């Protein structure tokens, strides 16, 4: 048997954004997934104070509607040999494309870049980095606004990354999922 760091075979991240004061949904997500999710991530515009007890569990960043100066504008999380970078997106003009965000993610050497701001869900793999917007959990816009709000669960193992979007009632949206093979060994 060789030495070295032992890592879990698989971990899960719940990614949510743009709850805009809807504390109850964040609490419901936490209660529902407490024993099933390894990392809870909020990509900004919670409109809650940084001292809220929820943020003892959620990793959170400031959005353009968060006025508590204690929030970080972005955050790099190192977890299971992965580099997870979260930001709200407004500093990178994500309403006009992902170019600035992609450059910043590259500077962070991010494996994952989670962001909000547009209230529109979406994901893409670019240069071995997963860019994902969970959409708004409370005020969705765009093609999937009729779902009433979304969040994403990202499952990571040494070979692949899985993405599944869910509605507020914890039901998966079957057509909103993705799967990518990992190309980099950690």
N, C-alpha and C. Protein backbone atom coordinates (compact mmCIF):
# COMPACT_ATOMS: atom_id res chain seq x y z
N UNK A 1 0.83 -1.19 0.00
CA UNK A 1 0.00 0.00 0.00
C UNK A 1 0.87 1.25 0.00
N UNK A 2 0.55 2.16 -0.88
CA UNK A 2 1.30 3.41 -0.96
C UNK A 2 0.75 4.45 -0.01
N UNK A 3 1.55 5.44 0.28
CA UNK A 3 1.12 6.54 1.15
C UNK A 3 0.43 7.61 0.33
N UNK A 4 0.21 8.73 0.94
CA UNK A 4 -0.40 9.85 0.23
C UNK A 4 -1.74 10.21 0.83
N UNK A 5 -2.28 11.30 0.34
CA UNK A 5 -3.55 11.79 0.85
C UNK A 5 -4.69 10.89 0.40
N UNK A 6 -5.54 10.54 1.32
CA UNK A 6 -6.73 9.76 1.00
C UNK A 6 -7.86 10.74 0.72
N UNK A 7 -8.51 10.57 -0.43
CA UNK A 7 -9.64 11.43 -0.75
C UNK A 7 -10.89 10.58 -0.93
N UNK A 8 -12.02 11.21 -0.80
CA UNK A 8 -13.27 10.52 -1.02
C UNK A 8 -13.40 10.17 -2.50
N UNK A 9 -14.12 9.13 -2.77
CA UNK A 9 -14.32 8.74 -4.16
C UNK A 9 -15.24 9.72 -4.89
N UNK A 10 -16.20 10.29 -4.18
CA UNK A 10 -17.18 11.17 -4.81
C UNK A 10 -17.65 12.21 -3.80
N UNK A 11 -17.93 13.41 -4.28
CA UNK A 11 -18.55 14.42 -3.41
C UNK A 11 -19.58 15.20 -4.20
N UNK A 12 -20.47 15.86 -3.45
CA UNK A 12 -21.58 16.60 -4.06
C UNK A 12 -21.60 18.03 -3.54
N UNK A 13 -21.90 18.95 -4.47
CA UNK A 13 -22.03 20.36 -4.14
C UNK A 13 -23.42 20.83 -4.55
N UNK A 14 -24.09 21.53 -3.67
CA UNK A 14 -25.35 22.19 -4.00
C UNK A 14 -25.01 23.65 -4.27
N UNK A 15 -25.42 24.14 -5.44
CA UNK A 15 -25.11 25.51 -5.85
C UNK A 15 -26.42 26.26 -6.05
N UNK A 16 -26.54 27.39 -5.35
CA UNK A 16 -27.75 28.20 -5.38
C UNK A 16 -27.33 29.66 -5.51
N UNK A 17 -28.21 30.50 -6.01
CA UNK A 17 -27.90 31.92 -6.14
C UNK A 17 -29.18 32.75 -6.16
N UNK A 18 -28.99 34.03 -5.96
CA UNK A 18 -30.04 35.03 -6.15
C UNK A 18 -31.34 34.68 -5.43
N UNK A 19 -31.22 34.44 -4.13
CA UNK A 19 -32.41 34.14 -3.32
C UNK A 19 -33.13 35.41 -2.89
N UNK A 20 -32.48 36.55 -2.93
CA UNK A 20 -33.09 37.87 -2.70
C UNK A 20 -34.02 37.92 -1.49
N UNK A 21 -33.47 37.59 -0.34
CA UNK A 21 -34.21 37.70 0.91
C UNK A 21 -35.06 36.49 1.26
N UNK A 22 -35.15 35.53 0.39
CA UNK A 22 -35.95 34.33 0.63
C UNK A 22 -35.13 33.35 1.49
N UNK A 23 -35.06 33.66 2.77
CA UNK A 23 -34.27 32.84 3.69
C UNK A 23 -34.86 31.44 3.84
N UNK A 24 -36.16 31.33 3.78
CA UNK A 24 -36.84 30.05 4.00
C UNK A 24 -36.39 28.98 3.00
N UNK A 25 -36.22 29.35 1.73
CA UNK A 25 -35.81 28.34 0.74
C UNK A 25 -34.39 27.86 1.04
N UNK A 26 -33.52 28.75 1.48
CA UNK A 26 -32.15 28.34 1.83
C UNK A 26 -32.16 27.39 3.02
N UNK A 27 -33.01 27.69 3.98
CA UNK A 27 -33.18 26.81 5.14
C UNK A 27 -33.75 25.45 4.72
N UNK A 28 -34.75 25.47 3.84
CA UNK A 28 -35.35 24.22 3.36
C UNK A 28 -34.33 23.35 2.62
N UNK A 29 -33.51 23.97 1.78
CA UNK A 29 -32.47 23.22 1.07
C UNK A 29 -31.49 22.59 2.05
N UNK A 30 -31.09 23.36 3.01
CA UNK A 30 -30.14 22.87 4.02
C UNK A 30 -30.73 21.70 4.80
N UNK A 31 -31.96 21.84 5.23
CA UNK A 31 -32.61 20.76 5.99
C UNK A 31 -32.81 19.51 5.14
N UNK A 32 -33.20 19.68 3.89
CA UNK A 32 -33.48 18.55 3.01
C UNK A 32 -32.20 17.77 2.65
N UNK A 33 -31.10 18.49 2.45
CA UNK A 33 -29.88 17.87 1.94
C UNK A 33 -28.75 17.73 2.97
N UNK A 34 -29.01 18.07 4.21
CA UNK A 34 -27.96 18.13 5.23
C UNK A 34 -27.00 16.94 5.20
N UNK A 35 -27.49 15.74 5.09
CA UNK A 35 -26.64 14.54 5.15
C UNK A 35 -26.25 14.02 3.77
N UNK A 36 -26.68 14.71 2.71
CA UNK A 36 -26.45 14.22 1.34
C UNK A 36 -25.46 15.07 0.55
N UNK A 37 -25.16 16.27 1.03
CA UNK A 37 -24.33 17.23 0.29
C UNK A 37 -23.09 17.55 1.10
N UNK A 38 -21.96 17.63 0.41
CA UNK A 38 -20.69 17.93 1.07
C UNK A 38 -20.41 19.43 1.16
N UNK A 39 -20.78 20.18 0.13
CA UNK A 39 -20.57 21.63 0.11
C UNK A 39 -21.84 22.34 -0.32
N UNK A 40 -22.25 23.32 0.46
CA UNK A 40 -23.38 24.19 0.11
C UNK A 40 -22.79 25.53 -0.33
N UNK A 41 -23.14 25.97 -1.53
CA UNK A 41 -22.55 27.18 -2.11
C UNK A 41 -23.65 28.15 -2.52
N UNK A 42 -23.50 29.41 -2.10
CA UNK A 42 -24.44 30.47 -2.49
C UNK A 42 -23.65 31.52 -3.26
N UNK A 43 -24.06 31.79 -4.48
CA UNK A 43 -23.33 32.68 -5.39
C UNK A 43 -23.77 34.13 -5.32
N UNK A 44 -24.34 34.56 -4.22
CA UNK A 44 -24.61 35.98 -4.01
C UNK A 44 -26.04 36.40 -4.23
N UNK A 45 -26.31 37.63 -3.78
CA UNK A 45 -27.64 38.24 -3.73
C UNK A 45 -28.57 37.44 -2.82
N UNK A 46 -28.05 37.12 -1.65
CA UNK A 46 -28.91 36.52 -0.62
C UNK A 46 -29.76 37.60 0.04
N UNK A 47 -29.21 38.81 0.11
CA UNK A 47 -29.82 39.94 0.82
C UNK A 47 -30.00 39.65 2.31
N UNK A 48 -29.16 38.79 2.84
CA UNK A 48 -29.14 38.48 4.26
C UNK A 48 -27.84 39.01 4.84
N UNK A 49 -27.78 39.22 6.15
CA UNK A 49 -26.51 39.66 6.74
C UNK A 49 -25.49 38.51 6.74
N UNK A 50 -24.24 38.86 6.67
CA UNK A 50 -23.16 37.87 6.65
C UNK A 50 -23.17 37.04 7.93
N UNK A 51 -23.72 37.57 9.00
CA UNK A 51 -23.76 36.88 10.29
C UNK A 51 -24.91 35.87 10.40
N UNK A 52 -25.74 35.75 9.35
CA UNK A 52 -26.84 34.80 9.40
C UNK A 52 -26.31 33.40 9.66
N UNK A 53 -26.98 32.67 10.51
CA UNK A 53 -26.56 31.32 10.89
C UNK A 53 -26.44 30.37 9.69
N UNK A 54 -27.20 30.60 8.64
CA UNK A 54 -27.11 29.77 7.44
C UNK A 54 -25.70 29.77 6.86
N UNK A 55 -24.99 30.88 7.02
CA UNK A 55 -23.67 31.01 6.42
C UNK A 55 -22.57 30.35 7.24
N UNK A 56 -22.98 29.65 8.28
CA UNK A 56 -22.04 28.74 8.96
C UNK A 56 -21.88 27.47 8.12
N UNK A 57 -22.86 27.19 7.27
CA UNK A 57 -22.83 26.02 6.38
C UNK A 57 -22.59 26.42 4.94
N UNK A 58 -23.35 27.39 4.44
CA UNK A 58 -23.19 27.83 3.05
C UNK A 58 -21.89 28.62 2.90
N UNK A 59 -21.14 28.33 1.84
CA UNK A 59 -20.05 29.20 1.40
C UNK A 59 -20.73 30.28 0.56
N UNK A 60 -20.49 31.53 0.87
CA UNK A 60 -21.27 32.60 0.24
C UNK A 60 -20.36 33.75 -0.19
N UNK A 61 -20.79 34.44 -1.25
CA UNK A 61 -20.11 35.65 -1.71
C UNK A 61 -21.13 36.77 -1.85
N UNK A 62 -20.63 37.98 -2.00
CA UNK A 62 -21.49 39.15 -2.14
C UNK A 62 -22.01 39.27 -3.56
N UNK A 63 -23.26 39.63 -3.66
CA UNK A 63 -23.84 39.99 -4.94
C UNK A 63 -24.02 41.49 -5.01
N UNK A 64 -24.52 41.99 -6.11
CA UNK A 64 -24.71 43.42 -6.26
C UNK A 64 -25.83 43.96 -5.37
N UNK A 65 -26.66 43.09 -4.78
CA UNK A 65 -27.71 43.52 -3.86
C UNK A 65 -27.38 43.16 -2.40
N UNK A 66 -26.16 42.73 -2.15
CA UNK A 66 -25.72 42.44 -0.78
C UNK A 66 -24.86 43.61 -0.30
N UNK A 67 -25.31 44.26 0.76
CA UNK A 67 -24.65 45.48 1.20
C UNK A 67 -23.83 45.30 2.47
N UNK A 68 -23.75 44.08 2.97
CA UNK A 68 -22.93 43.79 4.14
C UNK A 68 -21.48 43.69 3.68
N UNK A 69 -20.64 44.60 4.13
CA UNK A 69 -19.25 44.65 3.66
C UNK A 69 -18.41 43.47 4.17
N UNK A 70 -18.96 42.65 5.06
CA UNK A 70 -18.23 41.49 5.55
C UNK A 70 -18.19 40.35 4.52
N UNK A 71 -19.07 40.39 3.53
CA UNK A 71 -19.05 39.37 2.48
C UNK A 71 -17.82 39.55 1.60
N UNK A 72 -17.25 38.46 1.15
CA UNK A 72 -16.17 38.49 0.16
C UNK A 72 -16.79 38.64 -1.23
N UNK A 73 -16.08 39.29 -2.15
CA UNK A 73 -16.62 39.42 -3.50
C UNK A 73 -16.42 38.13 -4.30
N UNK A 74 -15.44 37.35 -3.94
CA UNK A 74 -15.27 36.03 -4.52
C UNK A 74 -14.54 35.16 -3.51
N UNK A 75 -14.53 33.86 -3.77
CA UNK A 75 -13.94 32.94 -2.81
C UNK A 75 -13.42 31.71 -3.56
N UNK A 76 -12.21 31.32 -3.21
CA UNK A 76 -11.64 30.09 -3.76
C UNK A 76 -11.68 29.03 -2.67
N UNK A 77 -12.33 27.94 -2.97
CA UNK A 77 -12.47 26.82 -2.04
C UNK A 77 -11.62 25.67 -2.55
N UNK A 78 -10.76 25.15 -1.73
CA UNK A 78 -9.98 23.97 -2.08
C UNK A 78 -10.63 22.79 -1.37
N UNK A 79 -11.11 21.84 -2.16
CA UNK A 79 -11.85 20.71 -1.60
C UNK A 79 -11.57 19.46 -2.42
N UNK A 80 -11.11 18.41 -1.77
CA UNK A 80 -10.85 17.12 -2.44
C UNK A 80 -10.01 17.30 -3.71
N UNK A 81 -8.95 18.07 -3.59
CA UNK A 81 -8.02 18.33 -4.71
C UNK A 81 -8.65 19.11 -5.86
N UNK A 82 -9.77 19.76 -5.62
CA UNK A 82 -10.43 20.58 -6.65
C UNK A 82 -10.37 22.04 -6.23
N UNK A 83 -10.30 22.91 -7.22
CA UNK A 83 -10.29 24.36 -7.00
C UNK A 83 -11.65 24.91 -7.44
N UNK A 84 -12.44 25.32 -6.47
CA UNK A 84 -13.82 25.77 -6.70
C UNK A 84 -13.86 27.28 -6.45
N UNK A 85 -14.10 28.03 -7.50
CA UNK A 85 -14.12 29.49 -7.38
C UNK A 85 -15.55 29.97 -7.51
N UNK A 86 -15.99 30.77 -6.53
CA UNK A 86 -17.35 31.31 -6.58
C UNK A 86 -17.30 32.83 -6.57
N UNK A 87 -18.19 33.40 -7.35
CA UNK A 87 -18.33 34.85 -7.45
C UNK A 87 -19.77 35.12 -7.88
N UNK A 88 -20.19 36.34 -7.77
CA UNK A 88 -21.57 36.64 -8.20
C UNK A 88 -21.64 36.83 -9.72
N UNK A 89 -20.66 37.45 -10.27
CA UNK A 89 -20.63 37.63 -11.72
C UNK A 89 -20.76 39.06 -12.18
N UNK A 90 -21.33 39.93 -11.36
CA UNK A 90 -21.56 41.31 -11.80
C UNK A 90 -20.25 42.06 -12.05
N UNK A 91 -19.18 41.74 -11.34
CA UNK A 91 -17.89 42.40 -11.56
C UNK A 91 -17.26 41.98 -12.89
N UNK A 92 -17.78 40.92 -13.48
CA UNK A 92 -17.22 40.37 -14.71
C UNK A 92 -18.19 40.52 -15.90
N UNK A 93 -19.20 41.35 -15.74
CA UNK A 93 -20.16 41.66 -16.80
C UNK A 93 -20.71 40.41 -17.47
N UNK A 94 -21.15 39.43 -16.66
CA UNK A 94 -21.64 38.16 -17.21
C UNK A 94 -22.92 38.32 -18.04
N UNK A 95 -23.60 39.45 -17.92
CA UNK A 95 -24.77 39.68 -18.77
C UNK A 95 -24.38 39.81 -20.24
N UNK A 96 -23.09 40.08 -20.50
CA UNK A 96 -22.62 40.31 -21.87
C UNK A 96 -21.70 39.21 -22.36
N UNK A 97 -21.63 38.10 -21.63
CA UNK A 97 -20.77 36.98 -22.04
C UNK A 97 -19.85 36.55 -20.90
N UNK A 98 -19.16 35.46 -21.12
CA UNK A 98 -18.34 34.88 -20.05
C UNK A 98 -16.84 35.13 -20.23
N UNK A 99 -16.44 35.98 -21.18
CA UNK A 99 -15.02 36.16 -21.46
C UNK A 99 -14.25 36.65 -20.23
N UNK A 100 -14.72 37.71 -19.58
CA UNK A 100 -14.01 38.25 -18.41
C UNK A 100 -14.02 37.25 -17.26
N UNK A 101 -15.13 36.57 -17.08
CA UNK A 101 -15.23 35.56 -16.03
C UNK A 101 -14.25 34.42 -16.30
N UNK A 102 -14.16 34.00 -17.55
CA UNK A 102 -13.25 32.90 -17.92
C UNK A 102 -11.80 33.29 -17.67
N UNK A 103 -11.44 34.53 -17.96
CA UNK A 103 -10.07 34.98 -17.69
C UNK A 103 -9.77 34.97 -16.20
N UNK A 104 -10.71 35.44 -15.41
CA UNK A 104 -10.53 35.44 -13.95
C UNK A 104 -10.46 34.02 -13.40
N UNK A 105 -11.29 33.13 -13.92
CA UNK A 105 -11.26 31.73 -13.47
C UNK A 105 -9.93 31.09 -13.83
N UNK A 106 -9.42 31.44 -14.99
CA UNK A 106 -8.11 30.89 -15.39
C UNK A 106 -7.01 31.38 -14.45
N UNK A 107 -7.07 32.66 -14.05
CA UNK A 107 -6.09 33.20 -13.10
C UNK A 107 -6.17 32.46 -11.76
N UNK A 108 -7.36 32.02 -11.40
CA UNK A 108 -7.55 31.28 -10.16
C UNK A 108 -7.16 29.80 -10.31
N UNK A 109 -6.89 29.38 -11.56
CA UNK A 109 -6.63 27.97 -11.88
C UNK A 109 -7.81 27.11 -11.41
N UNK A 110 -9.01 27.63 -11.63
CA UNK A 110 -10.24 26.99 -11.15
C UNK A 110 -10.59 25.76 -11.97
N UNK A 111 -11.07 24.74 -11.26
CA UNK A 111 -11.67 23.57 -11.89
C UNK A 111 -13.17 23.78 -12.05
N UNK A 112 -13.72 24.61 -11.16
CA UNK A 112 -15.15 24.93 -11.16
C UNK A 112 -15.29 26.43 -10.96
N UNK A 113 -16.19 27.06 -11.71
CA UNK A 113 -16.51 28.46 -11.54
C UNK A 113 -18.02 28.56 -11.42
N UNK A 114 -18.50 28.91 -10.23
CA UNK A 114 -19.92 29.03 -9.97
C UNK A 114 -20.25 30.51 -9.80
N UNK A 115 -21.31 30.96 -10.46
CA UNK A 115 -21.67 32.37 -10.43
C UNK A 115 -23.18 32.54 -10.58
N UNK A 116 -23.66 33.73 -10.30
CA UNK A 116 -25.08 34.06 -10.42
C UNK A 116 -25.25 35.33 -11.23
N UNK A 117 -26.09 36.20 -10.76
CA UNK A 117 -26.36 37.55 -11.26
C UNK A 117 -27.38 37.61 -12.39
N UNK A 118 -27.30 36.75 -13.39
CA UNK A 118 -28.20 36.87 -14.53
C UNK A 118 -29.59 36.29 -14.26
N UNK A 119 -29.72 35.50 -13.20
CA UNK A 119 -30.97 34.80 -12.87
C UNK A 119 -31.34 33.78 -13.94
N UNK A 120 -30.40 33.43 -14.80
CA UNK A 120 -30.64 32.45 -15.86
C UNK A 120 -29.66 31.30 -15.71
N UNK A 121 -30.20 30.10 -15.66
CA UNK A 121 -29.35 28.93 -15.46
C UNK A 121 -28.58 28.58 -16.73
N UNK A 122 -27.48 27.89 -16.53
CA UNK A 122 -26.69 27.43 -17.65
C UNK A 122 -25.37 26.85 -17.17
N UNK A 123 -24.77 26.02 -18.01
CA UNK A 123 -23.45 25.48 -17.70
C UNK A 123 -22.72 25.16 -18.99
N UNK A 124 -21.39 25.19 -18.91
CA UNK A 124 -20.55 24.79 -20.02
C UNK A 124 -19.16 24.45 -19.49
N UNK A 125 -18.50 23.56 -20.18
CA UNK A 125 -17.12 23.22 -19.86
C UNK A 125 -16.23 24.00 -20.81
N UNK A 126 -15.23 24.68 -20.24
CA UNK A 126 -14.32 25.48 -21.05
C UNK A 126 -12.92 25.35 -20.45
N UNK A 127 -11.98 24.87 -21.23
CA UNK A 127 -10.59 24.67 -20.77
C UNK A 127 -10.53 23.89 -19.46
N UNK A 128 -11.25 22.79 -19.41
CA UNK A 128 -11.27 21.90 -18.23
C UNK A 128 -11.81 22.58 -16.97
N UNK A 129 -12.61 23.61 -17.13
CA UNK A 129 -13.26 24.28 -16.00
C UNK A 129 -14.76 24.27 -16.26
N UNK A 130 -15.53 23.84 -15.27
CA UNK A 130 -16.98 23.87 -15.39
C UNK A 130 -17.49 25.24 -14.94
N UNK A 131 -18.14 25.95 -15.85
CA UNK A 131 -18.80 27.22 -15.54
C UNK A 131 -20.27 26.90 -15.35
N UNK A 132 -20.82 27.30 -14.20
CA UNK A 132 -22.21 26.96 -13.91
C UNK A 132 -22.90 28.11 -13.21
N UNK A 133 -24.06 28.47 -13.73
CA UNK A 133 -24.97 29.41 -13.08
C UNK A 133 -26.20 28.60 -12.69
N UNK A 134 -26.53 28.55 -11.39
CA UNK A 134 -27.69 27.75 -10.98
C UNK A 134 -29.03 28.39 -11.30
N UNK A 135 -29.01 29.60 -11.84
CA UNK A 135 -30.23 30.35 -12.01
C UNK A 135 -30.61 30.99 -10.69
N UNK A 136 -31.72 31.65 -10.64
CA UNK A 136 -32.19 32.24 -9.39
C UNK A 136 -33.19 31.29 -8.73
N UNK A 137 -32.98 31.05 -7.45
CA UNK A 137 -33.90 30.19 -6.70
C UNK A 137 -35.23 30.90 -6.43
N UNK A 138 -35.24 32.24 -6.49
CA UNK A 138 -36.44 32.99 -6.12
C UNK A 138 -37.02 33.88 -7.21
N UNK A 139 -36.19 34.37 -8.10
CA UNK A 139 -36.66 35.30 -9.15
C UNK A 139 -36.06 34.90 -10.50
N UNK A 140 -36.44 33.73 -11.03
CA UNK A 140 -35.82 33.25 -12.27
C UNK A 140 -36.22 34.09 -13.49
N UNK A 141 -35.31 34.09 -14.46
CA UNK A 141 -35.54 34.76 -15.74
C UNK A 141 -35.18 33.80 -16.86
N UNK A 142 -35.55 34.16 -18.05
CA UNK A 142 -35.13 33.41 -19.22
C UNK A 142 -36.03 32.24 -19.56
N UNK A 143 -35.49 31.32 -20.34
CA UNK A 143 -36.27 30.19 -20.86
C UNK A 143 -36.87 29.30 -19.79
N UNK A 144 -36.27 29.26 -18.62
CA UNK A 144 -36.74 28.35 -17.58
C UNK A 144 -37.39 29.08 -16.40
N UNK A 145 -37.78 30.32 -16.60
CA UNK A 145 -38.41 31.09 -15.53
C UNK A 145 -39.69 30.43 -15.04
N UNK A 146 -40.38 29.72 -15.93
CA UNK A 146 -41.65 29.08 -15.55
C UNK A 146 -41.45 27.96 -14.52
N UNK A 147 -40.22 27.53 -14.28
CA UNK A 147 -39.97 26.50 -13.26
C UNK A 147 -40.12 27.07 -11.84
N UNK A 148 -40.09 28.38 -11.70
CA UNK A 148 -40.30 29.00 -10.40
C UNK A 148 -39.06 29.11 -9.54
N UNK A 149 -37.90 28.82 -10.08
CA UNK A 149 -36.65 28.90 -9.33
C UNK A 149 -35.90 27.58 -9.40
N UNK A 150 -34.57 27.67 -9.51
CA UNK A 150 -33.75 26.46 -9.66
C UNK A 150 -32.48 26.55 -8.83
N UNK A 151 -31.92 25.39 -8.60
CA UNK A 151 -30.58 25.23 -8.03
C UNK A 151 -29.98 24.02 -8.70
N UNK A 152 -28.68 23.81 -8.52
CA UNK A 152 -28.00 22.69 -9.15
C UNK A 152 -27.25 21.87 -8.12
N UNK A 153 -27.15 20.57 -8.39
CA UNK A 153 -26.28 19.69 -7.62
C UNK A 153 -25.23 19.17 -8.59
N UNK A 154 -23.98 19.38 -8.20
CA UNK A 154 -22.84 18.95 -9.00
C UNK A 154 -22.17 17.79 -8.27
N UNK A 155 -22.07 16.65 -8.94
CA UNK A 155 -21.46 15.45 -8.38
C UNK A 155 -20.10 15.26 -9.06
N UNK A 156 -19.07 15.09 -8.24
CA UNK A 156 -17.71 14.99 -8.76
C UNK A 156 -17.08 13.69 -8.27
N UNK A 157 -16.49 12.94 -9.20
CA UNK A 157 -15.68 11.78 -8.82
C UNK A 157 -14.40 11.84 -9.65
N UNK A 158 -13.46 10.95 -9.44
CA UNK A 158 -12.19 11.06 -10.17
C UNK A 158 -12.31 10.99 -11.69
N UNK A 159 -13.37 10.42 -12.21
CA UNK A 159 -13.51 10.27 -13.66
C UNK A 159 -14.46 11.26 -14.31
N UNK A 160 -15.44 11.79 -13.57
CA UNK A 160 -16.50 12.56 -14.22
C UNK A 160 -17.12 13.61 -13.31
N UNK A 161 -17.85 14.51 -13.95
CA UNK A 161 -18.63 15.55 -13.29
C UNK A 161 -20.06 15.42 -13.79
N UNK A 162 -21.01 15.34 -12.86
CA UNK A 162 -22.42 15.29 -13.22
C UNK A 162 -23.13 16.53 -12.72
N UNK A 163 -24.07 17.02 -13.50
CA UNK A 163 -24.84 18.22 -13.14
C UNK A 163 -26.31 17.87 -13.25
N UNK A 164 -27.08 18.24 -12.23
CA UNK A 164 -28.53 18.07 -12.27
C UNK A 164 -29.17 19.31 -11.68
N UNK A 165 -30.10 19.92 -12.41
CA UNK A 165 -30.86 21.06 -11.89
C UNK A 165 -32.14 20.55 -11.25
N UNK A 166 -32.58 21.31 -10.24
CA UNK A 166 -33.78 20.98 -9.47
C UNK A 166 -34.66 22.20 -9.32
N UNK A 167 -35.95 21.94 -9.13
CA UNK A 167 -36.91 23.00 -8.80
C UNK A 167 -36.94 23.19 -7.29
N UNK A 168 -37.61 24.22 -6.84
CA UNK A 168 -37.71 24.56 -5.42
C UNK A 168 -38.29 23.43 -4.57
N UNK A 169 -39.09 22.56 -5.18
CA UNK A 169 -39.73 21.47 -4.44
C UNK A 169 -38.86 20.21 -4.42
N UNK A 170 -37.57 20.36 -4.73
CA UNK A 170 -36.56 19.29 -4.70
C UNK A 170 -36.71 18.28 -5.84
N UNK A 171 -37.57 18.57 -6.81
CA UNK A 171 -37.77 17.66 -7.93
C UNK A 171 -36.77 17.96 -9.04
N UNK A 172 -36.11 16.93 -9.58
CA UNK A 172 -35.16 17.17 -10.68
C UNK A 172 -35.89 17.60 -11.95
N UNK A 173 -35.23 18.43 -12.72
CA UNK A 173 -35.72 18.81 -14.04
C UNK A 173 -34.94 17.91 -15.01
N UNK A 174 -35.59 16.86 -15.46
CA UNK A 174 -34.89 15.78 -16.17
C UNK A 174 -34.11 16.26 -17.39
N UNK A 175 -34.62 17.25 -18.10
CA UNK A 175 -33.91 17.71 -19.29
C UNK A 175 -32.75 18.66 -18.96
N UNK A 176 -32.63 19.09 -17.70
CA UNK A 176 -31.56 20.01 -17.31
C UNK A 176 -30.49 19.27 -16.51
N UNK A 177 -29.68 18.53 -17.25
CA UNK A 177 -28.59 17.80 -16.62
C UNK A 177 -27.45 17.69 -17.62
N UNK A 178 -26.28 17.40 -17.10
CA UNK A 178 -25.11 17.25 -17.96
C UNK A 178 -24.10 16.32 -17.34
N UNK A 179 -23.17 15.88 -18.16
CA UNK A 179 -22.15 14.94 -17.72
C UNK A 179 -20.88 15.21 -18.53
N UNK A 180 -19.76 15.34 -17.83
CA UNK A 180 -18.48 15.57 -18.49
C UNK A 180 -17.45 14.61 -17.94
N UNK A 181 -16.63 14.08 -18.81
CA UNK A 181 -15.48 13.29 -18.37
C UNK A 181 -14.41 14.26 -17.89
N UNK A 182 -13.69 13.84 -16.85
CA UNK A 182 -12.57 14.65 -16.38
C UNK A 182 -11.33 14.25 -17.16
N UNK A 183 -10.56 15.25 -17.56
CA UNK A 183 -9.38 14.98 -18.36
C UNK A 183 -8.08 15.17 -17.59
N UNK A 184 -8.18 15.78 -16.43
CA UNK A 184 -6.97 16.03 -15.62
C UNK A 184 -6.94 15.12 -14.43
N UNK A 185 -5.83 14.47 -14.23
CA UNK A 185 -5.63 13.70 -13.00
C UNK A 185 -5.15 14.65 -11.92
N UNK A 186 -5.65 14.45 -10.73
CA UNK A 186 -5.25 15.28 -9.59
C UNK A 186 -4.20 14.59 -8.79
